N, C-alpha and C. Protein backbone atom coordinates (compact mmCIF):
# COMPACT_ATOMS: atom_id res chain seq x y z
N MET A 1 -24.79 48.98 -36.23
CA MET A 1 -24.79 49.01 -34.78
C MET A 1 -23.92 50.53 -34.77
N SER A 2 -24.26 50.98 -34.00
CA SER A 2 -23.45 52.40 -33.24
C SER A 2 -21.90 52.57 -33.28
N LYS A 3 -21.42 53.69 -33.42
CA LYS A 3 -20.21 53.64 -33.08
C LYS A 3 -19.77 53.37 -31.86
N LYS A 4 -20.44 53.39 -30.76
CA LYS A 4 -20.64 53.35 -28.98
C LYS A 4 -20.98 51.91 -28.75
N HIS A 5 -21.85 51.02 -29.60
CA HIS A 5 -21.93 49.45 -29.36
C HIS A 5 -20.48 49.06 -30.01
N ALA A 6 -20.20 49.28 -30.79
CA ALA A 6 -19.04 48.76 -31.99
C ALA A 6 -18.02 49.06 -30.43
N PHE A 7 -17.51 50.60 -30.39
CA PHE A 7 -16.75 50.16 -29.64
C PHE A 7 -16.71 49.35 -28.22
N ALA A 8 -18.08 49.37 -27.53
CA ALA A 8 -18.43 48.67 -26.19
C ALA A 8 -18.40 47.16 -26.55
N ALA A 9 -18.53 46.68 -27.61
CA ALA A 9 -17.82 45.73 -27.80
C ALA A 9 -16.50 44.96 -28.60
N VAL A 10 -16.24 46.01 -28.83
CA VAL A 10 -14.48 45.60 -28.73
C VAL A 10 -13.83 45.79 -27.71
N ALA A 11 -13.50 46.51 -26.59
CA ALA A 11 -13.63 46.97 -25.94
C ALA A 11 -13.83 44.97 -24.71
N ALA A 12 -14.96 44.94 -24.48
CA ALA A 12 -15.75 43.56 -24.19
C ALA A 12 -14.72 42.38 -24.80
N LEU A 13 -14.41 42.39 -25.92
CA LEU A 13 -13.43 40.96 -26.43
C LEU A 13 -12.18 41.44 -25.98
N ALA A 14 -11.76 42.49 -26.08
CA ALA A 14 -10.20 42.83 -26.17
C ALA A 14 -9.82 42.17 -24.20
N LEU A 15 -10.87 42.47 -23.15
CA LEU A 15 -11.03 42.33 -21.86
C LEU A 15 -11.10 40.90 -21.68
N ALA A 16 -12.24 40.06 -22.49
CA ALA A 16 -12.13 38.69 -22.34
C ALA A 16 -10.78 37.89 -22.79
N VAL A 17 -10.35 38.87 -24.08
CA VAL A 17 -8.93 38.18 -24.62
C VAL A 17 -7.80 38.38 -23.86
N THR A 18 -7.96 39.18 -22.93
CA THR A 18 -6.87 39.74 -22.16
C THR A 18 -6.98 38.84 -20.88
N ALA A 19 -8.14 38.71 -20.18
CA ALA A 19 -8.60 38.29 -19.09
C ALA A 19 -7.90 36.60 -19.52
N GLY A 20 -8.85 36.13 -20.20
CA GLY A 20 -8.46 34.84 -20.39
C GLY A 20 -6.89 34.30 -20.66
N GLY A 21 -5.98 35.17 -21.21
CA GLY A 21 -4.52 35.22 -21.60
C GLY A 21 -4.42 35.31 -20.02
N GLY A 22 -4.58 36.31 -19.35
CA GLY A 22 -3.63 36.39 -17.62
C GLY A 22 -4.28 34.85 -16.81
N ILE A 23 -5.63 34.25 -17.45
CA ILE A 23 -5.54 33.24 -16.43
C ILE A 23 -4.67 32.01 -16.93
N ALA A 24 -4.63 32.14 -18.14
CA ALA A 24 -3.52 31.08 -19.28
C ALA A 24 -2.36 30.85 -18.16
N VAL A 25 -2.06 32.33 -18.18
CA VAL A 25 -0.61 32.80 -17.65
C VAL A 25 -0.13 32.07 -16.56
N ALA A 26 -1.32 32.42 -15.73
CA ALA A 26 -1.17 32.16 -14.01
C ALA A 26 -1.58 30.53 -13.53
N ALA A 27 -2.12 29.96 -14.73
CA ALA A 27 -2.23 28.33 -14.39
C ALA A 27 -1.09 28.04 -14.46
N PRO A 28 -0.56 26.90 -13.80
CA PRO A 28 0.33 25.66 -13.67
C PRO A 28 1.34 25.44 -15.14
N THR A 29 2.27 25.56 -15.82
CA THR A 29 2.46 25.04 -16.56
C THR A 29 3.37 23.74 -16.65
N THR A 30 3.53 23.69 -15.54
CA THR A 30 4.27 22.16 -15.48
C THR A 30 3.78 21.12 -14.96
N ALA A 31 3.37 19.64 -15.05
CA ALA A 31 2.65 18.62 -14.66
C ALA A 31 3.47 18.14 -13.32
N ARG A 32 2.50 17.94 -12.09
CA ARG A 32 3.71 17.37 -11.15
C ARG A 32 3.91 15.88 -11.54
N SER A 33 4.85 15.78 -11.15
CA SER A 33 6.22 14.52 -11.25
C SER A 33 5.34 13.23 -10.30
N VAL A 34 5.06 12.47 -10.91
CA VAL A 34 4.57 11.45 -9.92
C VAL A 34 5.54 9.92 -9.65
N ALA A 35 6.10 9.83 -8.68
CA ALA A 35 6.52 8.93 -8.11
C ALA A 35 5.84 7.35 -8.51
N PRO A 36 7.03 6.44 -8.41
CA PRO A 36 6.45 5.03 -8.36
C PRO A 36 5.90 4.86 -7.62
N SER A 37 4.86 3.92 -7.30
CA SER A 37 3.81 3.63 -5.83
C SER A 37 5.11 2.28 -5.03
N ALA A 38 4.79 3.25 -3.61
CA ALA A 38 5.20 2.46 -2.87
C ALA A 38 5.15 0.84 -2.38
N CYS A 39 3.63 0.80 -3.15
CA CYS A 39 3.24 -0.08 -2.93
C CYS A 39 3.31 -1.62 -3.79
N ARG A 40 4.15 -1.60 -4.92
CA ARG A 40 4.46 -2.17 -5.94
C ARG A 40 5.56 -3.09 -5.22
N PRO A 41 5.84 -4.18 -5.42
CA PRO A 41 6.39 -5.08 -4.77
C PRO A 41 8.13 -4.53 -4.49
N ALA A 42 7.94 -4.20 -5.57
CA ALA A 42 9.71 -3.87 -6.10
C ALA A 42 10.41 -2.36 -5.33
N ASN A 43 9.41 -2.16 -4.68
CA ASN A 43 9.98 -0.73 -3.99
C ASN A 43 9.38 -0.58 -2.67
N HIS A 44 9.43 -1.67 -1.97
CA HIS A 44 9.22 -1.55 -0.67
C HIS A 44 9.86 -2.87 0.05
N THR A 45 10.43 -3.13 1.45
CA THR A 45 10.75 -3.88 1.97
C THR A 45 10.34 -4.77 2.90
N ALA A 46 10.23 -5.91 3.31
CA ALA A 46 9.16 -6.11 4.66
C ALA A 46 9.88 -7.38 5.04
N THR A 47 10.18 -7.41 6.39
CA THR A 47 10.76 -8.36 7.22
C THR A 47 9.67 -9.05 8.57
N ILE A 48 10.32 -10.07 8.78
CA ILE A 48 9.45 -10.65 9.82
C ILE A 48 10.13 -10.77 10.97
N ALA A 49 9.46 -10.70 12.46
CA ALA A 49 9.78 -11.18 13.95
C ALA A 49 9.22 -11.28 14.75
N ALA A 50 9.52 -12.14 15.55
CA ALA A 50 8.30 -12.17 16.22
C ALA A 50 7.89 -11.15 17.30
N ALA A 51 6.65 -11.56 17.66
CA ALA A 51 5.69 -10.78 18.15
C ALA A 51 5.09 -11.01 19.63
N PRO A 52 4.68 -10.29 20.28
CA PRO A 52 4.38 -10.73 21.89
C PRO A 52 3.37 -11.78 21.02
N ALA A 53 3.16 -13.06 22.00
CA ALA A 53 2.03 -13.87 22.08
C ALA A 53 0.64 -13.64 22.71
N SER A 54 -0.02 -14.59 22.50
CA SER A 54 -1.60 -13.90 23.12
C SER A 54 -1.76 -15.71 23.42
N SER A 55 -2.89 -15.78 24.15
CA SER A 55 -3.24 -16.96 24.87
C SER A 55 -3.49 -18.09 23.40
N GLY A 56 -2.79 -19.25 23.77
CA GLY A 56 -2.65 -20.23 22.67
C GLY A 56 -2.39 -20.19 21.13
N HIS A 57 -1.87 -18.97 20.62
CA HIS A 57 -0.85 -18.16 19.71
C HIS A 57 0.16 -17.27 19.73
N SER A 58 1.00 -18.12 18.69
CA SER A 58 2.36 -17.80 18.70
C SER A 58 1.92 -16.07 17.74
N HIS A 59 2.41 -15.10 17.31
CA HIS A 59 2.73 -14.05 16.91
C HIS A 59 4.07 -13.24 16.15
N TYR A 60 3.83 -13.36 14.64
CA TYR A 60 4.75 -12.56 13.84
C TYR A 60 4.55 -11.38 13.51
N ARG A 61 5.30 -10.39 13.35
CA ARG A 61 4.77 -9.36 12.69
C ARG A 61 5.77 -9.28 11.54
N VAL A 62 5.07 -8.65 10.56
CA VAL A 62 5.54 -8.00 8.88
C VAL A 62 5.38 -6.72 8.83
N THR A 63 6.55 -6.73 8.59
CA THR A 63 6.57 -5.03 8.84
C THR A 63 7.18 -4.22 7.55
N LEU A 64 6.32 -3.28 6.81
CA LEU A 64 7.06 -3.03 5.39
C LEU A 64 7.59 -1.43 5.68
N THR A 65 8.23 -1.49 4.62
CA THR A 65 8.97 -0.07 4.63
C THR A 65 9.04 0.48 3.40
N ALA A 66 8.99 2.02 3.16
CA ALA A 66 9.29 2.32 1.68
C ALA A 66 10.43 3.32 2.04
N ALA A 67 11.20 3.56 1.00
CA ALA A 67 12.47 4.26 0.99
C ALA A 67 12.04 5.60 0.31
N ARG A 68 12.74 6.50 0.79
CA ARG A 68 11.94 7.56 0.14
C ARG A 68 12.19 8.53 -1.24
N GLY A 69 11.29 8.81 -2.20
CA GLY A 69 11.45 8.46 -3.61
C GLY A 69 10.13 7.84 -3.86
N TYR A 70 9.78 7.55 -2.93
CA TYR A 70 8.46 6.36 -3.76
C TYR A 70 7.25 7.41 -3.39
N GLU A 71 6.20 6.88 -4.21
CA GLU A 71 4.58 8.03 -3.49
C GLU A 71 4.29 6.94 -2.61
N SER A 72 3.04 7.74 -1.67
CA SER A 72 2.71 7.02 -1.01
C SER A 72 1.51 6.25 -1.83
N CYS A 73 0.76 5.36 -0.89
CA CYS A 73 -0.02 4.58 -1.78
C CYS A 73 -1.15 3.95 -0.26
N VAL A 74 -2.43 3.79 -0.99
CA VAL A 74 -3.63 3.46 0.02
C VAL A 74 -3.58 1.75 0.37
N LEU A 75 -3.87 1.18 1.64
CA LEU A 75 -4.01 -0.32 1.52
C LEU A 75 -5.02 -0.54 2.44
N ALA A 76 -5.68 -1.83 2.17
CA ALA A 76 -6.57 -2.16 3.12
C ALA A 76 -6.66 -3.60 3.62
N GLY A 77 -7.25 -4.32 4.64
CA GLY A 77 -7.41 -5.54 4.87
C GLY A 77 -6.14 -6.40 4.69
N SER A 78 -6.05 -7.96 5.02
CA SER A 78 -4.80 -8.68 4.90
C SER A 78 -4.86 -9.46 3.46
N PRO A 79 -3.27 -9.27 3.27
CA PRO A 79 -2.83 -9.49 2.05
C PRO A 79 -3.19 -11.13 2.06
N THR A 80 -3.42 -11.45 0.69
CA THR A 80 -3.62 -12.39 -0.04
C THR A 80 -2.96 -13.55 -0.78
N GLY A 81 -2.91 -14.27 -0.97
CA GLY A 81 -2.34 -15.12 -1.86
C GLY A 81 -1.02 -15.59 -0.93
N VAL A 82 -1.17 -15.55 0.19
CA VAL A 82 -0.41 -15.99 1.28
C VAL A 82 0.87 -17.28 1.36
N ARG A 83 2.45 -17.55 1.03
CA ARG A 83 2.63 -18.85 1.12
C ARG A 83 3.95 -18.62 1.82
N PHE A 84 4.01 -19.69 2.56
CA PHE A 84 5.44 -19.41 3.42
C PHE A 84 6.48 -20.92 2.63
N SER A 85 7.70 -20.39 2.54
CA SER A 85 8.55 -21.25 2.49
C SER A 85 9.79 -21.22 3.25
N ASN A 86 10.60 -22.40 3.31
CA ASN A 86 11.57 -22.41 3.94
C ASN A 86 13.31 -23.00 3.24
N HIS A 87 14.01 -22.52 2.84
CA HIS A 87 15.31 -22.22 2.22
C HIS A 87 14.69 -22.97 0.82
N GLY A 88 13.91 -21.96 0.76
CA GLY A 88 12.93 -22.04 -0.55
C GLY A 88 12.07 -22.99 -1.23
N LYS A 89 11.80 -23.83 -0.56
CA LYS A 89 10.82 -24.70 -0.60
C LYS A 89 9.52 -24.59 0.53
N GLN A 90 8.49 -24.52 -0.62
CA GLN A 90 7.31 -23.93 0.08
C GLN A 90 7.11 -25.29 1.36
N THR A 91 6.52 -24.84 2.25
CA THR A 91 5.29 -25.58 3.52
C THR A 91 4.39 -26.27 3.10
N GLY A 92 3.76 -25.53 2.22
CA GLY A 92 2.53 -26.17 2.05
C GLY A 92 1.23 -25.33 2.74
N VAL A 93 1.92 -24.70 4.08
CA VAL A 93 0.82 -24.22 4.80
C VAL A 93 -0.24 -23.11 4.13
N ALA A 94 -1.53 -23.49 4.41
CA ALA A 94 -2.16 -22.31 3.91
C ALA A 94 -3.10 -21.28 5.05
N ALA A 95 -2.91 -19.97 4.73
CA ALA A 95 -3.50 -18.96 5.85
C ALA A 95 -5.07 -18.32 5.77
N GLY A 96 -5.76 -18.31 6.44
CA GLY A 96 -6.93 -17.22 6.13
C GLY A 96 -6.67 -16.16 6.54
N HIS A 97 -7.66 -15.43 6.83
CA HIS A 97 -7.55 -14.18 7.26
C HIS A 97 -8.42 -13.83 8.20
N TYR A 98 -8.26 -12.84 9.07
CA TYR A 98 -9.22 -12.22 10.20
C TYR A 98 -9.06 -11.02 10.13
N GLY A 99 -10.00 -10.34 10.83
CA GLY A 99 -10.15 -8.96 10.84
C GLY A 99 -10.62 -7.89 9.77
N ASP A 100 -11.03 -6.62 10.52
CA ASP A 100 -11.53 -5.01 9.12
C ASP A 100 -11.18 -5.61 8.11
N GLN A 101 -11.57 -6.25 7.27
CA GLN A 101 -10.98 -6.00 5.54
C GLN A 101 -11.28 -4.71 4.94
N LYS A 102 -11.86 -3.70 5.39
CA LYS A 102 -11.77 -1.92 4.62
C LYS A 102 -11.15 -0.66 5.25
N THR A 103 -10.48 -1.03 6.55
CA THR A 103 -9.68 0.12 7.31
C THR A 103 -8.74 0.54 6.17
N LYS A 104 -8.56 1.74 5.81
CA LYS A 104 -7.81 2.30 4.86
C LYS A 104 -6.59 2.76 5.39
N VAL A 105 -5.52 2.34 5.44
CA VAL A 105 -3.97 2.94 5.64
C VAL A 105 -3.17 3.53 4.91
N THR A 106 -2.22 4.38 5.09
CA THR A 106 -1.73 4.94 4.06
C THR A 106 -0.31 4.56 4.19
N PHE A 107 0.34 4.19 3.56
CA PHE A 107 1.33 3.20 3.21
C PHE A 107 2.88 4.03 2.35
N GLY A 108 4.09 4.57 3.01
CA GLY A 108 4.74 4.89 2.00
C GLY A 108 6.20 5.92 3.05
N PRO A 109 7.27 6.21 2.36
CA PRO A 109 8.38 6.80 2.70
C PRO A 109 7.53 7.72 4.14
N GLY A 110 8.33 7.09 5.62
CA GLY A 110 8.23 7.73 6.68
C GLY A 110 6.90 7.18 7.04
N HIS A 111 6.60 6.62 6.63
CA HIS A 111 4.75 5.76 7.26
C HIS A 111 4.89 4.00 6.92
N PRO A 112 5.30 3.50 7.89
CA PRO A 112 5.65 2.07 7.73
C PRO A 112 4.13 1.55 8.14
N VAL A 113 4.03 0.00 7.37
CA VAL A 113 2.81 -0.49 8.14
C VAL A 113 3.22 -2.05 8.46
N HIS A 114 2.37 -2.24 8.99
CA HIS A 114 2.60 -3.89 9.60
C HIS A 114 1.36 -4.56 9.75
N PHE A 115 1.34 -5.95 9.31
CA PHE A 115 0.32 -7.06 9.44
C PHE A 115 1.03 -8.21 10.46
N ASP A 116 -0.27 -9.15 11.23
CA ASP A 116 0.12 -10.04 11.62
C ASP A 116 -0.12 -11.52 11.24
N ILE A 117 0.93 -12.21 11.45
CA ILE A 117 0.72 -13.79 11.08
C ILE A 117 0.35 -14.23 12.13
N GLN A 118 -0.63 -14.99 12.77
CA GLN A 118 -1.40 -15.56 14.15
C GLN A 118 -1.02 -17.00 13.62
N VAL A 119 -0.95 -17.78 14.59
CA VAL A 119 -0.41 -19.23 14.51
C VAL A 119 -0.51 -19.83 15.59
N PRO A 120 -1.81 -20.97 15.48
CA PRO A 120 -2.05 -21.63 16.82
C PRO A 120 -1.01 -22.61 17.14
N ASP A 121 -0.81 -22.32 18.50
CA ASP A 121 0.11 -23.10 19.40
C ASP A 121 -0.11 -24.73 19.43
N MET A 122 -1.62 -25.12 19.01
CA MET A 122 -1.61 -26.55 19.18
C MET A 122 -1.40 -27.20 18.06
N HIS A 123 -0.88 -26.89 16.98
CA HIS A 123 -0.34 -27.47 16.05
C HIS A 123 1.17 -27.45 15.80
N ARG A 124 1.61 -28.39 15.73
CA ARG A 124 3.25 -28.69 15.25
C ARG A 124 3.43 -27.70 14.44
N GLY A 125 4.62 -26.79 14.60
CA GLY A 125 5.18 -25.72 13.54
C GLY A 125 6.03 -26.10 12.73
N THR A 126 5.91 -25.68 11.69
CA THR A 126 6.62 -25.62 10.40
C THR A 126 7.34 -24.31 10.09
N ALA A 127 8.94 -24.73 10.73
CA ALA A 127 10.18 -23.59 10.48
C ALA A 127 10.06 -23.10 9.09
N SER A 128 9.66 -21.88 8.78
CA SER A 128 10.34 -20.91 7.34
C SER A 128 10.68 -19.95 7.60
N ASP A 129 11.07 -19.23 6.52
CA ASP A 129 11.83 -17.79 6.90
C ASP A 129 11.68 -16.93 5.72
N GLU A 130 10.72 -17.67 4.83
CA GLU A 130 10.18 -16.25 4.05
C GLU A 130 8.65 -16.45 4.02
N ALA A 131 7.74 -15.46 3.54
CA ALA A 131 6.36 -15.45 3.00
C ALA A 131 6.06 -14.71 1.57
N SER A 132 5.88 -15.14 1.20
CA SER A 132 4.55 -14.18 -0.12
C SER A 132 3.48 -13.96 0.01
N PHE A 133 3.03 -12.88 -0.63
CA PHE A 133 2.07 -12.50 -0.15
C PHE A 133 1.54 -11.19 -1.52
N THR A 134 0.58 -10.68 -1.78
CA THR A 134 -0.22 -9.69 -2.64
C THR A 134 -0.95 -8.76 -1.89
N LEU A 135 -0.55 -7.68 -1.66
CA LEU A 135 -1.01 -6.59 -1.38
C LEU A 135 -2.53 -6.24 -1.53
N GLN A 136 -3.18 -5.82 -0.74
CA GLN A 136 -4.60 -4.90 -1.20
C GLN A 136 -4.81 -3.94 -1.09
N ALA A 137 -5.41 -2.90 -2.27
CA ALA A 137 -5.72 -1.95 -2.24
C ALA A 137 -7.44 -1.63 -1.78
N PRO A 138 -7.80 -0.43 -1.38
CA PRO A 138 -9.40 -0.29 -1.49
C PRO A 138 -9.95 -1.05 -2.80
N GLY A 139 -9.85 -0.81 -3.49
CA GLY A 139 -10.32 -1.25 -4.93
C GLY A 139 -10.19 -2.43 -5.30
N GLY A 140 -9.15 -3.91 -4.83
CA GLY A 140 -8.63 -4.87 -5.27
C GLY A 140 -7.11 -5.20 -4.96
N GLU A 141 -6.60 -6.26 -5.69
CA GLU A 141 -5.26 -6.40 -5.70
C GLU A 141 -4.40 -5.70 -6.38
N ILE A 142 -3.12 -5.09 -5.46
CA ILE A 142 -2.18 -4.57 -6.32
C ILE A 142 -0.98 -5.52 -6.91
N PRO A 143 -0.70 -5.18 -8.38
CA PRO A 143 -0.27 -6.52 -8.86
C PRO A 143 1.38 -6.57 -8.46
N GLY A 144 1.58 -8.07 -8.63
CA GLY A 144 2.80 -8.59 -7.90
C GLY A 144 2.83 -8.72 -6.88
N THR A 145 3.81 -10.03 -6.32
CA THR A 145 4.15 -10.60 -5.13
C THR A 145 5.14 -10.00 -4.67
N SER A 146 5.16 -9.41 -3.33
CA SER A 146 5.98 -9.15 -2.14
C SER A 146 6.51 -10.27 -1.40
N PHE A 147 7.55 -10.09 -0.76
CA PHE A 147 8.39 -10.94 -0.10
C PHE A 147 9.00 -10.50 1.14
N ALA A 148 8.75 -11.49 2.09
CA ALA A 148 9.64 -10.64 3.45
C ALA A 148 10.04 -12.18 4.20
N GLU A 149 11.06 -12.09 4.89
CA GLU A 149 12.31 -12.49 5.30
C GLU A 149 12.06 -12.38 6.49
N GLY A 150 12.79 -13.52 7.80
CA GLY A 150 12.68 -13.62 8.74
C GLY A 150 12.41 -14.89 9.71
N LYS A 151 13.00 -15.18 10.54
CA LYS A 151 12.43 -17.23 10.99
C LYS A 151 11.46 -16.46 11.83
N PHE A 152 10.28 -18.02 11.56
CA PHE A 152 9.30 -18.10 11.82
C PHE A 152 8.71 -19.21 12.02
N SER A 153 7.71 -19.65 12.41
CA SER A 153 6.61 -21.01 12.32
C SER A 153 5.28 -20.66 11.71
N VAL A 154 5.14 -21.59 11.33
CA VAL A 154 3.40 -21.25 10.52
C VAL A 154 2.92 -23.22 11.07
N ALA A 155 1.75 -23.37 11.35
CA ALA A 155 0.80 -24.39 11.34
C ALA A 155 -0.52 -24.30 10.62
N SER A 156 -1.30 -25.57 10.26
CA SER A 156 -2.57 -25.51 10.20
C SER A 156 -3.40 -24.43 10.86
N GLY A 157 -3.74 -23.89 10.25
CA GLY A 157 -4.83 -22.89 10.93
C GLY A 157 -4.53 -21.16 10.91
N THR A 158 -3.18 -21.37 10.62
CA THR A 158 -2.67 -20.03 10.45
C THR A 158 -3.69 -19.03 9.33
N LEU A 159 -3.29 -17.70 10.70
CA LEU A 159 -4.44 -16.68 10.13
C LEU A 159 -3.31 -15.41 9.72
N ILE A 160 -3.44 -14.64 8.71
CA ILE A 160 -3.34 -12.85 8.71
C ILE A 160 -4.20 -12.06 9.19
N GLY A 161 -3.55 -11.33 9.70
CA GLY A 161 -4.18 -10.00 9.97
C GLY A 161 -4.23 -8.69 8.94
N PRO A 162 -5.07 -8.13 9.14
CA PRO A 162 -4.91 -6.39 8.35
C PRO A 162 -3.76 -5.85 8.46
N VAL A 163 -3.74 -5.17 7.32
CA VAL A 163 -2.59 -4.34 7.57
C VAL A 163 -2.84 -3.21 8.57
N GLN A 164 -1.89 -3.06 9.52
CA GLN A 164 -2.39 -1.82 9.85
C GLN A 164 -1.30 -0.76 9.91
N ARG A 165 -1.45 0.68 10.40
CA ARG A 165 -0.41 1.66 11.01
C ARG A 165 0.72 1.25 11.95
N GLY A 166 2.11 1.66 11.03
CA GLY A 166 3.05 1.57 12.06
C GLY A 166 3.57 0.50 11.93
N ALA A 167 4.89 0.74 12.61
CA ALA A 167 6.26 -0.63 12.52
C ALA A 167 6.05 -1.89 13.24
């Protein structure tokens, strides 16, 4: 190899090492800290309140909120495994679901979500003060059981609507 080619090879190697080093220095060296997910049951609160009735149905709105410090997450569809209780005793009323089960909704601090409990008026209602449920993500269940409190009634034929944006 001639001196001219050897010098060019050394210069190219030096440039590659310098450029590579520059890239490494410019790249972020700290990983982003990820807060716990707002979708986990321990990281949000839920309340139940009466909502406007529709023809033949009573409605109750379950509102979920997350405090600052939790990471936003994506929910989809109606909660599953819904159980209703009154003073700690399960009512035995089962719930189905209605509505679009695929629409994705972002939930987290500053982004509350809600879902509807629709109860037919034709049946005698059973007093309840708590609902337990499992939230759904687009890919399946979110582990754990969430709880919401408030005074409401349930009956045979009760349906749970999909999670929607807003309180």
